[in-house]
Amino acid sequence: MNDNVLGIIAGLQRAHCGLTCGTAFPATPDAPTNGPGHAEIAHANGAEGRRMTSADELRPALEASLASDKPAVMDVPIVNNPTRATGHRNILDVRSSDMVLSHVST
């Protein structure tokens, strides 16, 4: 799912630095799908890469990818609608270098 944001990286940047840099690729009228071309990156690395422009394209693209002997990337644009999660989960809790579950100080 491609919402034109590198969300996990942006969250870590915000937590550690208080701001983000190079992680959001807002759409414009001239570039509605701004940001990295994930399908093109896949092709450049020898994989299948398909960018969806409508929901009707998803099933045929998945079927073609499953029939291929190559790895595949499906670039599916979505609208970023943040949803409040229940409970508490902080990505900093699972990123400690010693793999011990504890909160990383920021």
PDB file of N, CA and C in Angstrom:
ATOM      1  N   MET A   1       0.844  -1.169   0.000  1.00  0.00           N
ATOM      2  CA  MET A   1       0.000   0.000   0.000  1.00  0.00           C
ATOM      3  C   MET A   1       0.890   1.232   0.000  1.00  0.00           C
ATOM      4  N   ASN A   2       0.603   2.130  -0.885  1.00  0.00           N
ATOM      5  CA  ASN A   2       1.448   3.303  -1.083  1.00  0.00           C
ATOM      6  C   ASN A   2       0.648   4.566  -0.785  1.00  0.00           C
ATOM      7  N   ASP A   3       0.963   5.201   0.330  1.00  0.00           N
ATOM      8  CA  ASP A   3       0.271   6.443   0.696  1.00  0.00           C
ATOM      9  C   ASP A   3       1.164   7.674   0.523  1.00  0.00           C
ATOM     10  N   ASN A   4       2.220   7.537  -0.284  1.00  0.00           N
ATOM     11  CA  ASN A   4       3.167   8.624  -0.560  1.00  0.00           C
ATOM     12  C   ASN A   4       3.935   9.075   0.678  1.00  0.00           C
ATOM     13  N   VAL A   5       4.046   8.197   1.676  1.00  0.00           N
ATOM     14  CA  VAL A   5       4.798   8.503   2.896  1.00  0.00           C
ATOM     15  C   VAL A   5       5.572   7.257   3.308  1.00  0.00           C
ATOM     16  N   LEU A   6       6.802   7.420   3.737  1.00  0.00           N
ATOM     17  CA  LEU A   6       7.561   6.327   4.337  1.00  0.00           C
ATOM     18  C   LEU A   6       7.281   6.392   5.837  1.00  0.00           C
ATOM     19  N   GLY A   7       6.139   5.832   6.241  1.00  0.00           N
ATOM     20  CA  GLY A   7       5.565   6.062   7.558  1.00  0.00           C
ATOM     21  C   GLY A   7       6.414   5.649   8.742  1.00  0.00           C
ATOM     22  N   ILE A   8       6.994   4.460   8.703  1.00  0.00           N
ATOM     23  CA  ILE A   8       7.779   4.004   9.850  1.00  0.00           C
ATOM     24  C   ILE A   8       9.013   4.885  10.017  1.00  0.00           C
ATOM     25  N   ILE A   9       9.670   5.187   8.903  1.00  0.00           N
ATOM     26  CA  ILE A   9      10.850   6.046   8.976  1.00  0.00           C
ATOM     27  C   ILE A   9      10.460   7.437   9.462  1.00  0.00           C
ATOM     28  N   ALA A  10       9.355   7.963   8.947  1.00  0.00           N
ATOM     29  CA  ALA A  10       8.890   9.286   9.389  1.00  0.00           C
ATOM     30  C   ALA A  10       8.597   9.286  10.884  1.00  0.00           C
ATOM     31  N   GLY A  11       7.973   8.234  11.387  1.00  0.00           N
ATOM     32  CA  GLY A  11       7.668   8.147  12.814  1.00  0.00           C
ATOM     33  C   GLY A  11       8.920   8.114  13.670  1.00  0.00           C
ATOM     34  N   LEU A  12       9.917   7.363  13.233  1.00  0.00           N
ATOM     35  CA  LEU A  12      11.169   7.308  13.985  1.00  0.00           C
ATOM     36  C   LEU A  12      11.908   8.644  13.927  1.00  0.00           C
ATOM     37  N   GLN A  13      11.902   9.290  12.754  1.00  0.00           N
ATOM     38  CA  GLN A  13      12.524  10.614  12.664  1.00  0.00           C
ATOM     39  C   GLN A  13      11.842  11.598  13.605  1.00  0.00           C
ATOM     40  N   ARG A  14      10.510  11.579  13.604  1.00  0.00           N
ATOM     41  CA  ARG A  14       9.757  12.502  14.460  1.00  0.00           C
ATOM     42  C   ARG A  14      10.070  12.227  15.930  1.00  0.00           C
ATOM     43  N   ALA A  15      10.151  10.941  16.303  1.00  0.00           N
ATOM     44  CA  ALA A  15      10.405  10.588  17.698  1.00  0.00           C
ATOM     45  C   ALA A  15      11.811  10.990  18.139  1.00  0.00           C
ATOM     46  N   HIS A  16      12.797  10.796  17.267  1.00  0.00           N
ATOM     47  CA  HIS A  16      14.181  11.060  17.654  1.00  0.00           C
ATOM     48  C   HIS A  16      14.637  12.483  17.382  1.00  0.00           C
ATOM     49  N   CYS A  17      14.069  13.120  16.345  1.00  0.00           N
ATOM     50  CA  CYS A  17      14.562  14.438  15.925  1.00  0.00           C
ATOM     51  C   CYS A  17      13.524  15.546  16.033  1.00  0.00           C
ATOM     52  N   GLY A  18      12.266  15.168  16.230  1.00  0.00           N
ATOM     53  CA  GLY A  18      11.218  16.169  16.332  1.00  0.00           C
ATOM     54  C   GLY A  18      10.712  16.684  14.998  1.00  0.00           C
ATOM     55  N   LEU A  19      11.221  16.144  13.896  1.00  0.00           N
ATOM     56  CA  LEU A  19      10.768  16.543  12.568  1.00  0.00           C
ATOM     57  C   LEU A  19      11.049  15.406  11.592  1.00  0.00           C
ATOM     58  N   THR A  20      10.567  15.562  10.378  1.00  0.00           N
ATOM     59  CA  THR A  20      10.836  14.550   9.355  1.00  0.00           C
ATOM     60  C   THR A  20      11.546  15.201   8.179  1.00  0.00           C
ATOM     61  N   CYS A  21      12.279  14.394   7.435  1.00  0.00           N
ATOM     62  CA  CYS A  21      13.006  14.891   6.273  1.00  0.00           C
ATOM     63  C   CYS A  21      13.053  13.801   5.210  1.00  0.00           C
ATOM     64  N   GLY A  22      12.536  14.089   4.033  1.00  0.00           N
ATOM     65  CA  GLY A  22      12.628  13.155   2.914  1.00  0.00           C
ATOM     66  C   GLY A  22      11.765  11.921   3.036  1.00  0.00           C
ATOM     67  N   THR A  23      10.697  11.984   3.827  1.00  0.00           N
ATOM     68  CA  THR A  23       9.853  10.803   4.015  1.00  0.00           C
ATOM     69  C   THR A  23       8.421  11.010   3.557  1.00  0.00           C
ATOM     70  N   ALA A  24       8.049  12.213   3.192  1.00  0.00           N
ATOM     71  CA  ALA A  24       6.693  12.480   2.707  1.00  0.00           C
ATOM     72  C   ALA A  24       6.780  13.019   1.286  1.00  0.00           C
ATOM     73  N   PHE A  25       5.933  12.494   0.427  1.00  0.00           N
ATOM     74  CA  PHE A  25       5.931  12.864  -0.982  1.00  0.00           C
ATOM     75  C   PHE A  25       4.525  13.299  -1.365  1.00  0.00           C
ATOM     76  N   PRO A  26       4.126  14.513  -0.956  1.00  0.00           N
ATOM     77  CA  PRO A  26       2.743  14.939  -1.178  1.00  0.00           C
ATOM     78  C   PRO A  26       2.404  15.027  -2.662  1.00  0.00           C
ATOM     79  N   ALA A  27       1.192  14.619  -2.977  1.00  0.00           N
ATOM     80  CA  ALA A  27       0.715  14.680  -4.353  1.00  0.00           C
ATOM     81  C   ALA A  27       0.441  16.123  -4.748  1.00  0.00           C
ATOM     82  N   THR A  28       0.573  16.383  -6.024  1.00  0.00           N
ATOM     83  CA  THR A  28       0.239  17.686  -6.594  1.00  0.00           C
ATOM     84  C   THR A  28      -0.640  17.439  -7.816  1.00  0.00           C
ATOM     85  N   PRO A  29      -1.298  18.459  -8.350  1.00  0.00           N
ATOM     86  CA  PRO A  29      -2.099  18.241  -9.560  1.00  0.00           C
ATOM     87  C   PRO A  29      -1.280  17.667 -10.721  1.00  0.00           C
ATOM     88  N   ASP A  30      -0.005  18.055 -10.811  1.00  0.00           N
ATOM     89  CA  ASP A  30       0.851  17.544 -11.881  1.00  0.00           C
ATOM     90  C   ASP A  30       1.458  16.179 -11.562  1.00  0.00           C
ATOM     91  N   ALA A  31       1.518  15.825 -10.298  1.00  0.00           N
ATOM     92  CA  ALA A  31       2.116  14.554  -9.876  1.00  0.00           C
ATOM     93  C   ALA A  31       1.260  13.929  -8.782  1.00  0.00           C
ATOM     94  N   PRO A  32       0.107  13.338  -9.154  1.00  0.00           N
ATOM     95  CA  PRO A  32      -0.780  12.770  -8.131  1.00  0.00           C
ATOM     96  C   PRO A  32      -0.192  11.565  -7.408  1.00  0.00           C
ATOM     97  N   THR A  33       0.827  10.949  -7.989  1.00  0.00           N
ATOM     98  CA  THR A  33       1.477   9.808  -7.349  1.00  0.00           C
ATOM     99  C   THR A  33       2.955  10.124  -7.194  1.00  0.00           C
ATOM    100  N   ASN A  34       3.234  11.106  -6.387  1.00  0.00           N
ATOM    101  CA  ASN A  34       4.588  11.556  -6.141  1.00  0.00           C
ATOM    102  C   ASN A  34       5.341  10.499  -5.342  1.00  0.00           C
ATOM    103  N   GLY A  35       6.647  10.558  -5.332  1.00  0.00           N
ATOM    104  CA  GLY A  35       7.429   9.660  -4.502  1.00  0.00           C
ATOM    105  C   GLY A  35       8.080   8.552  -5.298  1.00  0.00           C
ATOM    106  N   PRO A  36       8.697   7.611  -4.584  1.00  0.00           N
ATOM    107  CA  PRO A  36       9.421   6.537  -5.259  1.00  0.00           C
ATOM    108  C   PRO A  36       8.478   5.688  -6.101  1.00  0.00           C
ATOM    109  N   GLY A  37       8.916   5.310  -7.287  1.00  0.00           N
ATOM    110  CA  GLY A  37       8.152   4.392  -8.127  1.00  0.00           C
ATOM    111  C   GLY A  37       8.499   2.966  -7.746  1.00  0.00           C
ATOM    112  N   HIS A  38       7.733   2.390  -6.827  1.00  0.00           N
ATOM    113  CA  HIS A  38       8.056   1.058  -6.308  1.00  0.00           C
ATOM    114  C   HIS A  38       8.061   0.000  -7.405  1.00  0.00           C
ATOM    115  N   ALA A  39       7.146   0.086  -8.369  1.00  0.00           N
ATOM    116  CA  ALA A  39       7.122  -0.878  -9.470  1.00  0.00           C
ATOM    117  C   ALA A  39       8.389  -0.751 -10.316  1.00  0.00           C
ATOM    118  N   GLU A  40       8.815   0.474 -10.580  1.00  0.00           N
ATOM    119  CA  GLU A  40      10.027   0.690 -11.365  1.00  0.00           C
ATOM    120  C   GLU A  40      11.268   0.205 -10.621  1.00  0.00           C
ATOM    121  N   ILE A  41      11.297   0.414  -9.323  1.00  0.00           N
ATOM    122  CA  ILE A  41      12.423  -0.079  -8.518  1.00  0.00           C
ATOM    123  C   ILE A  41      12.466  -1.604  -8.578  1.00  0.00           C
ATOM    124  N   ALA A  42      11.304  -2.249  -8.513  1.00  0.00           N
ATOM    125  CA  ALA A  42      11.247  -3.710  -8.620  1.00  0.00           C
ATOM    126  C   ALA A  42      11.813  -4.166  -9.961  1.00  0.00           C
ATOM    127  N   HIS A  43      11.373  -3.536 -11.061  1.00  0.00           N
ATOM    128  CA  HIS A  43      11.881  -3.891 -12.395  1.00  0.00           C
ATOM    129  C   HIS A  43      13.393  -3.733 -12.469  1.00  0.00           C
ATOM    130  N   ALA A  44      13.908  -2.656 -11.918  1.00  0.00           N
ATOM    131  CA  ALA A  44      15.349  -2.397 -11.960  1.00  0.00           C
ATOM    132  C   ALA A  44      16.144  -3.466 -11.223  1.00  0.00           C
ATOM    133  N   ASN A  45      15.478  -4.172 -10.312  1.00  0.00           N
ATOM    134  CA  ASN A  45      16.140  -5.221  -9.541  1.00  0.00           C
ATOM    135  C   ASN A  45      15.755  -6.619  -9.996  1.00  0.00           C
ATOM    136  N   GLY A  46      15.158  -6.733 -11.191  1.00  0.00           N
ATOM    137  CA  GLY A  46      14.851  -8.042 -11.762  1.00  0.00           C
ATOM    138  C   GLY A  46      13.562  -8.670 -11.286  1.00  0.00           C
ATOM    139  N   ALA A  47      12.739  -7.934 -10.591  1.00  0.00           N
ATOM    140  CA  ALA A  47      11.461  -8.465 -10.099  1.00  0.00           C
ATOM    141  C   ALA A  47      10.319  -7.950 -10.970  1.00  0.00           C
ATOM    142  N   GLU A  48       9.149  -8.526 -10.774  1.00  0.00           N
ATOM    143  CA  GLU A  48       7.943  -8.004 -11.404  1.00  0.00           C
ATOM    144  C   GLU A  48       7.505  -6.780 -10.607  1.00  0.00           C
ATOM    145  N   GLY A  49       7.031  -5.771 -11.282  1.00  0.00           N
ATOM    146  CA  GLY A  49       6.528  -4.589 -10.605  1.00  0.00           C
ATOM    147  C   GLY A  49       5.296  -4.080 -11.311  1.00  0.00           C
ATOM    148  N   ARG A  50       4.217  -3.935 -10.572  1.00  0.00           N
ATOM    149  CA  ARG A  50       2.972  -3.458 -11.162  1.00  0.00           C
ATOM    150  C   ARG A  50       2.384  -2.356 -10.295  1.00  0.00           C
ATOM    151  N   ARG A  51       1.993  -1.263 -10.942  1.00  0.00           N
ATOM    152  CA  ARG A  51       1.333  -0.161 -10.246  1.00  0.00           C
ATOM    153  C   ARG A  51      -0.138  -0.197 -10.605  1.00  0.00           C
ATOM    154  N   MET A  52      -0.974  -0.223  -9.589  1.00  0.00           N
ATOM    155  CA  MET A  52      -2.416  -0.243  -9.802  1.00  0.00           C
ATOM    156  C   MET A  52      -2.918   1.190  -9.977  1.00  0.00           C
ATOM    157  N   THR A  53      -3.852   1.381 -10.895  1.00  0.00           N
ATOM    158  CA  THR A  53      -4.515   2.675 -11.030  1.00  0.00           C
ATOM    159  C   THR A  53      -6.006   2.551 -10.769  1.00  0.00           C
ATOM    160  N   SER A  54      -6.482   1.295 -10.616  1.00  0.00           N
ATOM    161  CA  SER A  54      -7.888   1.071 -10.261  1.00  0.00           C
ATOM    162  C   SER A  54      -8.002  -0.273  -9.560  1.00  0.00           C
ATOM    163  N   ALA A  55      -9.059  -0.447  -8.801  1.00  0.00           N
ATOM    164  CA  ALA A  55      -9.281  -1.701  -8.075  1.00  0.00           C
ATOM    165  C   ALA A  55      -9.448  -2.870  -9.039  1.00  0.00           C
ATOM    166  N   ASP A  56      -9.975  -2.614 -10.229  1.00  0.00           N
ATOM    167  CA  ASP A  56     -10.177  -3.682 -11.212  1.00  0.00           C
ATOM    168  C   ASP A  56      -8.864  -4.303 -11.682  1.00  0.00           C
ATOM    169  N   GLU A  57      -7.772  -3.615 -11.529  1.00  0.00           N
ATOM    170  CA  GLU A  57      -6.472  -4.124 -11.967  1.00  0.00           C
ATOM    171  C   GLU A  57      -5.838  -5.077 -10.963  1.00  0.00           C
ATOM    172  N   LEU A  58      -6.325  -5.091  -9.740  1.00  0.00           N
ATOM    173  CA  LEU A  58      -5.652  -5.847  -8.685  1.00  0.00           C
ATOM    174  C   LEU A  58      -5.675  -7.353  -8.925  1.00  0.00           C
ATOM    175  N   ARG A  59      -6.847  -7.939  -9.184  1.00  0.00           N
ATOM    176  CA  ARG A  59      -6.928  -9.393  -9.366  1.00  0.00           C
ATOM    177  C   ARG A  59      -6.046  -9.878 -10.523  1.00  0.00           C
ATOM    178  N   PRO A  60      -6.150  -9.294 -11.728  1.00  0.00           N
ATOM    179  CA  PRO A  60      -5.280  -9.764 -12.810  1.00  0.00           C
ATOM    180  C   PRO A  60      -3.792  -9.606 -12.491  1.00  0.00           C
ATOM    181  N   ALA A  61      -3.442  -8.523 -11.810  1.00  0.00           N
ATOM    182  CA  ALA A  61      -2.035  -8.310 -11.452  1.00  0.00           C
ATOM    183  C   ALA A  61      -1.564  -9.364 -10.456  1.00  0.00           C
ATOM    184  N   LEU A  62      -2.395  -9.681  -9.477  1.00  0.00           N
ATOM    185  CA  LEU A  62      -2.033 -10.727  -8.509  1.00  0.00           C
ATOM    186  C   LEU A  62      -1.902 -12.079  -9.193  1.00  0.00           C
ATOM    187  N   GLU A  63      -2.839 -12.402 -10.088  1.00  0.00           N
ATOM    188  CA  GLU A  63      -2.776 -13.681 -10.803  1.00  0.00           C
ATOM    189  C   GLU A  63      -1.516 -13.774 -11.654  1.00  0.00           C
ATOM    190  N   ALA A  64      -1.170 -12.693 -12.358  1.00  0.00           N
ATOM    191  CA  ALA A  64       0.047 -12.688 -13.174  1.00  0.00           C
ATOM    192  C   ALA A  64       1.289 -12.821 -12.304  1.00  0.00           C
ATOM    193  N   SER A  65       1.294 -12.169 -11.169  1.00  0.00           N
ATOM    194  CA  SER A  65       2.447 -12.246 -10.266  1.00  0.00           C
ATOM    195  C   SER A  65       2.608 -13.643  -9.692  1.00  0.00           C
ATOM    196  N   LEU A  66       1.497 -14.273  -9.322  1.00  0.00           N
ATOM    197  CA  LEU A  66       1.569 -15.630  -8.781  1.00  0.00           C
ATOM    198  C   LEU A  66       2.018 -16.633  -9.839  1.00  0.00           C
ATOM    199  N   ALA A  67       1.711 -16.366 -11.107  1.00  0.00           N
ATOM    200  CA  ALA A  67       2.112 -17.262 -12.190  1.00  0.00           C
ATOM    201  C   ALA A  67       3.577 -17.067 -12.581  1.00  0.00           C
ATOM    202  N   SER A  68       4.161 -15.961 -12.186  1.00  0.00           N
ATOM    203  CA  SER A  68       5.546 -15.653 -12.531  1.00  0.00           C
ATOM    204  C   SER A  68       6.501 -16.375 -11.588  1.00  0.00           C
ATOM    205  N   ASP A  69       7.713 -16.618 -12.081  1.00  0.00           N
ATOM    206  CA  ASP A  69       8.734 -17.227 -11.217  1.00  0.00           C
ATOM    207  C   ASP A  69       9.623 -16.169 -10.565  1.00  0.00           C
ATOM    208  N   LYS A  70       9.241 -14.902 -10.701  1.00  0.00           N
ATOM    209  CA  LYS A  70      10.014 -13.803 -10.118  1.00  0.00           C
ATOM    210  C   LYS A  70       9.305 -13.249  -8.884  1.00  0.00           C
ATOM    211  N   PRO A  71      10.056 -12.616  -7.981  1.00  0.00           N
ATOM    212  CA  PRO A  71       9.404 -11.867  -6.899  1.00  0.00           C
ATOM    213  C   PRO A  71       8.580 -10.739  -7.513  1.00  0.00           C
ATOM    214  N   ALA A  72       7.579 -10.281  -6.789  1.00  0.00           N
ATOM    215  CA  ALA A  72       6.699  -9.246  -7.337  1.00  0.00           C
ATOM    216  C   ALA A  72       6.410  -8.165  -6.306  1.00  0.00           C
ATOM    217  N   VAL A  73       6.261  -6.950  -6.807  1.00  0.00           N
ATOM    218  CA  VAL A  73       5.868  -5.801  -5.993  1.00  0.00           C
ATOM    219  C   VAL A  73       4.589  -5.239  -6.588  1.00  0.00           C
ATOM    220  N   MET A  74       3.576  -5.111  -5.748  1.00  0.00           N
ATOM    221  CA  MET A  74       2.322  -4.476  -6.155  1.00  0.00           C
ATOM    222  C   MET A  74       2.310  -3.077  -5.549  1.00  0.00           C
ATOM    223  N   ASP A  75       2.327  -2.065  -6.379  1.00  0.00           N
ATOM    224  CA  ASP A  75       2.297  -0.673  -5.917  1.00  0.00           C
ATOM    225  C   ASP A  75       0.842  -0.221  -5.960  1.00  0.00           C
ATOM    226  N   VAL A  76       0.199  -0.221  -4.800  1.00  0.00           N
ATOM    227  CA  VAL A  76      -1.235   0.075  -4.702  1.00  0.00           C
ATOM    228  C   VAL A  76      -1.419   1.408  -3.982  1.00  0.00           C
ATOM    229  N   PRO A  77      -1.757   2.470  -4.718  1.00  0.00           N
ATOM    230  CA  PRO A  77      -1.957   3.770  -4.076  1.00  0.00           C
ATOM    231  C   PRO A  77      -3.166   3.753  -3.142  1.00  0.00           C
ATOM    232  N   ILE A  78      -3.004   4.360  -1.981  1.00  0.00           N
ATOM    233  CA  ILE A  78      -4.103   4.485  -1.023  1.00  0.00           C
ATOM    234  C   ILE A  78      -4.138   5.916  -0.501  1.00  0.00           C
ATOM    235  N   VAL A  79      -5.242   6.274   0.090  1.00  0.00           N
ATOM    236  CA  VAL A  79      -5.361   7.563   0.760  1.00  0.00           C
ATOM    237  C   VAL A  79      -4.963   7.355   2.211  1.00  0.00           C
ATOM    238  N   ASN A  80      -4.110   8.216   2.720  1.00  0.00           N
ATOM    239  CA  ASN A  80      -3.648   8.095   4.098  1.00  0.00           C
ATOM    240  C   ASN A  80      -4.703   8.670   5.034  1.00  0.00           C
ATOM    241  N   ASN A  81      -5.500   7.785   5.617  1.00  0.00           N
ATOM    242  CA  ASN A  81      -6.494   8.178   6.615  1.00  0.00           C
ATOM    243  C   ASN A  81      -6.065   7.595   7.951  1.00  0.00           C
ATOM    244  N   PRO A  82      -5.329   8.350   8.762  1.00  0.00           N
ATOM    245  CA  PRO A  82      -4.878   7.809  10.040  1.00  0.00           C
ATOM    246  C   PRO A  82      -6.051   7.309  10.878  1.00  0.00           C
ATOM    247  N   THR A  83      -5.864   6.137  11.450  1.00  0.00           N
ATOM    248  CA  THR A  83      -6.893   5.513  12.271  1.00  0.00           C
ATOM    249  C   THR A  83      -6.343   5.338  13.674  1.00  0.00           C
ATOM    250  N   ARG A  84      -7.118   5.711  14.654  1.00  0.00           N
ATOM    251  CA  ARG A  84      -6.684   5.546  16.040  1.00  0.00           C
ATOM    252  C   ARG A  84      -6.685   4.052  16.381  1.00  0.00           C
ATOM    253  N   ALA A  85      -5.544   3.566  16.804  1.00  0.00           N
ATOM    254  CA  ALA A  85      -5.425   2.166  17.193  1.00  0.00           C
ATOM    255  C   ALA A  85      -5.853   1.994  18.644  1.00  0.00           C
ATOM    256  N   THR A  86      -6.422   0.845  18.934  1.00  0.00           N
ATOM    257  CA  THR A  86      -6.770   0.556  20.323  1.00  0.00           C
ATOM    258  C   THR A  86      -5.531   0.035  21.035  1.00  0.00           C
ATOM    259  N   GLY A  87      -5.479   0.196  22.322  1.00  0.00           N
ATOM    260  CA  GLY A  87      -4.321  -0.252  23.077  1.00  0.00           C
ATOM    261  C   GLY A  87      -3.140   0.682  22.860  1.00  0.00           C
ATOM    262  N   HIS A  88      -1.948   0.204  23.176  1.00  0.00           N
ATOM    263  CA  HIS A  88      -0.752   1.024  23.034  1.00  0.00           C
ATOM    264  C   HIS A  88       0.342   0.189  22.405  1.00  0.00           C
ATOM    265  N   ARG A  89       0.899   0.690  21.346  1.00  0.00           N
ATOM    266  CA  ARG A  89       2.052   0.056  20.730  1.00  0.00           C
ATOM    267  C   ARG A  89       2.960   1.161  20.235  1.00  0.00           C
ATOM    268  N   ASN A  90       4.181   1.116  20.644  1.00  0.00           N
ATOM    269  CA  ASN A  90       5.151   2.124  20.257  1.00  0.00           C
ATOM    270  C   ASN A  90       6.276   1.427  19.521  1.00  0.00           C
ATOM    271  N   ILE A  91       6.560   1.846  18.295  1.00  0.00           N
ATOM    272  CA  ILE A  91       7.603   1.188  17.515  1.00  0.00           C
ATOM    273  C   ILE A  91       8.955   1.234  18.216  1.00  0.00           C
ATOM    274  N   LEU A  92       9.168   2.224  19.060  1.00  0.00           N
ATOM    275  CA  LEU A  92      10.434   2.304  19.779  1.00  0.00           C
ATOM    276  C   LEU A  92      10.586   1.153  20.767  1.00  0.00           C
ATOM    277  N   ASP A  93       9.480   0.523  21.158  1.00  0.00           N
ATOM    278  CA  ASP A  93       9.556  -0.608  22.079  1.00  0.00           C
ATOM    279  C   ASP A  93      10.173  -1.843  21.439  1.00  0.00           C
ATOM    280  N   VAL A  94      10.109  -1.964  20.130  1.00  0.00           N
ATOM    281  CA  VAL A  94      10.578  -3.183  19.484  1.00  0.00           C
ATOM    282  C   VAL A  94      11.858  -2.971  18.690  1.00  0.00           C
ATOM    283  N   ARG A  95      12.472  -1.834  18.820  1.00  0.00           N
ATOM    284  CA  ARG A  95      13.654  -1.527  18.029  1.00  0.00           C
ATOM    285  C   ARG A  95      14.942  -1.462  18.848  1.00  0.00           C
ATOM    286  N   SER A  96      14.953  -1.982  20.061  1.00  0.00           N
ATOM    287  CA  SER A  96      16.186  -1.933  20.835  1.00  0.00           C
ATOM    288  C   SER A  96      17.195  -2.919  20.250  1.00  0.00           C
ATOM    289  N   SER A  97      18.466  -2.550  20.243  1.00  0.00           N
ATOM    290  CA  SER A  97      19.498  -3.348  19.583  1.00  0.00           C
ATOM    291  C   SER A  97      19.724  -4.700  20.241  1.00  0.00           C
ATOM    292  N   ASP A  98      19.469  -4.827  21.533  1.00  0.00           N
ATOM    293  CA  ASP A  98      19.689  -6.109  22.208  1.00  0.00           C
ATOM    294  C   ASP A  98      18.455  -7.005  22.173  1.00  0.00           C
ATOM    295  N   MET A  99      17.422  -6.586  21.416  1.00  0.00           N
ATOM    296  CA  MET A  99      16.193  -7.355  21.220  1.00  0.00           C
ATOM    297  C   MET A  99      15.388  -7.550  22.500  1.00  0.00           C
ATOM    298  N   VAL A 100      15.718  -6.812  23.550  1.00  0.00           N
ATOM    299  CA  VAL A 100      14.937  -6.845  24.776  1.00  0.00           C
ATOM    300  C   VAL A 100      13.800  -5.851  24.610  1.00  0.00           C
ATOM    301  N   LEU A 101      12.597  -6.288  24.942  1.00  0.00           N
ATOM    302  CA  LEU A 101      11.437  -5.416  24.797  1.00  0.00           C
ATOM    303  C   LEU A 101      11.448  -4.374  25.900  1.00  0.00           C
ATOM    304  N   SER A 102      11.841  -3.176  25.543  1.00  0.00           N
ATOM    305  CA  SER A 102      11.839  -2.065  26.482  1.00  0.00           C
ATOM    306  C   SER A 102      11.751  -0.786  25.675  1.00  0.00           C
ATOM    307  N   HIS A 103      11.333   0.266  26.321  1.00  0.00           N
ATOM    308  CA  HIS A 103      11.185   1.528  25.608  1.00  0.00           C
ATOM    309  C   HIS A 103      12.537   2.188  25.401  1.00  0.00           C
ATOM    310  N   VAL A 104      12.780   2.628  24.183  1.00  0.00           N
ATOM    311  CA  VAL A 104      14.020   3.314  23.849  1.00  0.00           C
ATOM    312  C   VAL A 104      13.853   4.785  24.192  1.00  0.00           C
ATOM    313  N   SER A 105      14.785   5.335  24.921  1.00  0.00           N
ATOM    314  CA  SER A 105      14.722   6.746  25.301  1.00  0.00           C
ATOM    315  C   SER A 105      14.944   7.624  24.083  1.00  0.00           C
ATOM    316  N   THR A 106      14.126   8.675  23.963  1.00  0.00           N
ATOM    317  CA  THR A 106      14.301   9.590  22.822  1.00  0.00           C
ATOM    318  C   THR A 106      14.691  10.964  23.303  1.00  0.00           C
TER     319      THR A 106
END
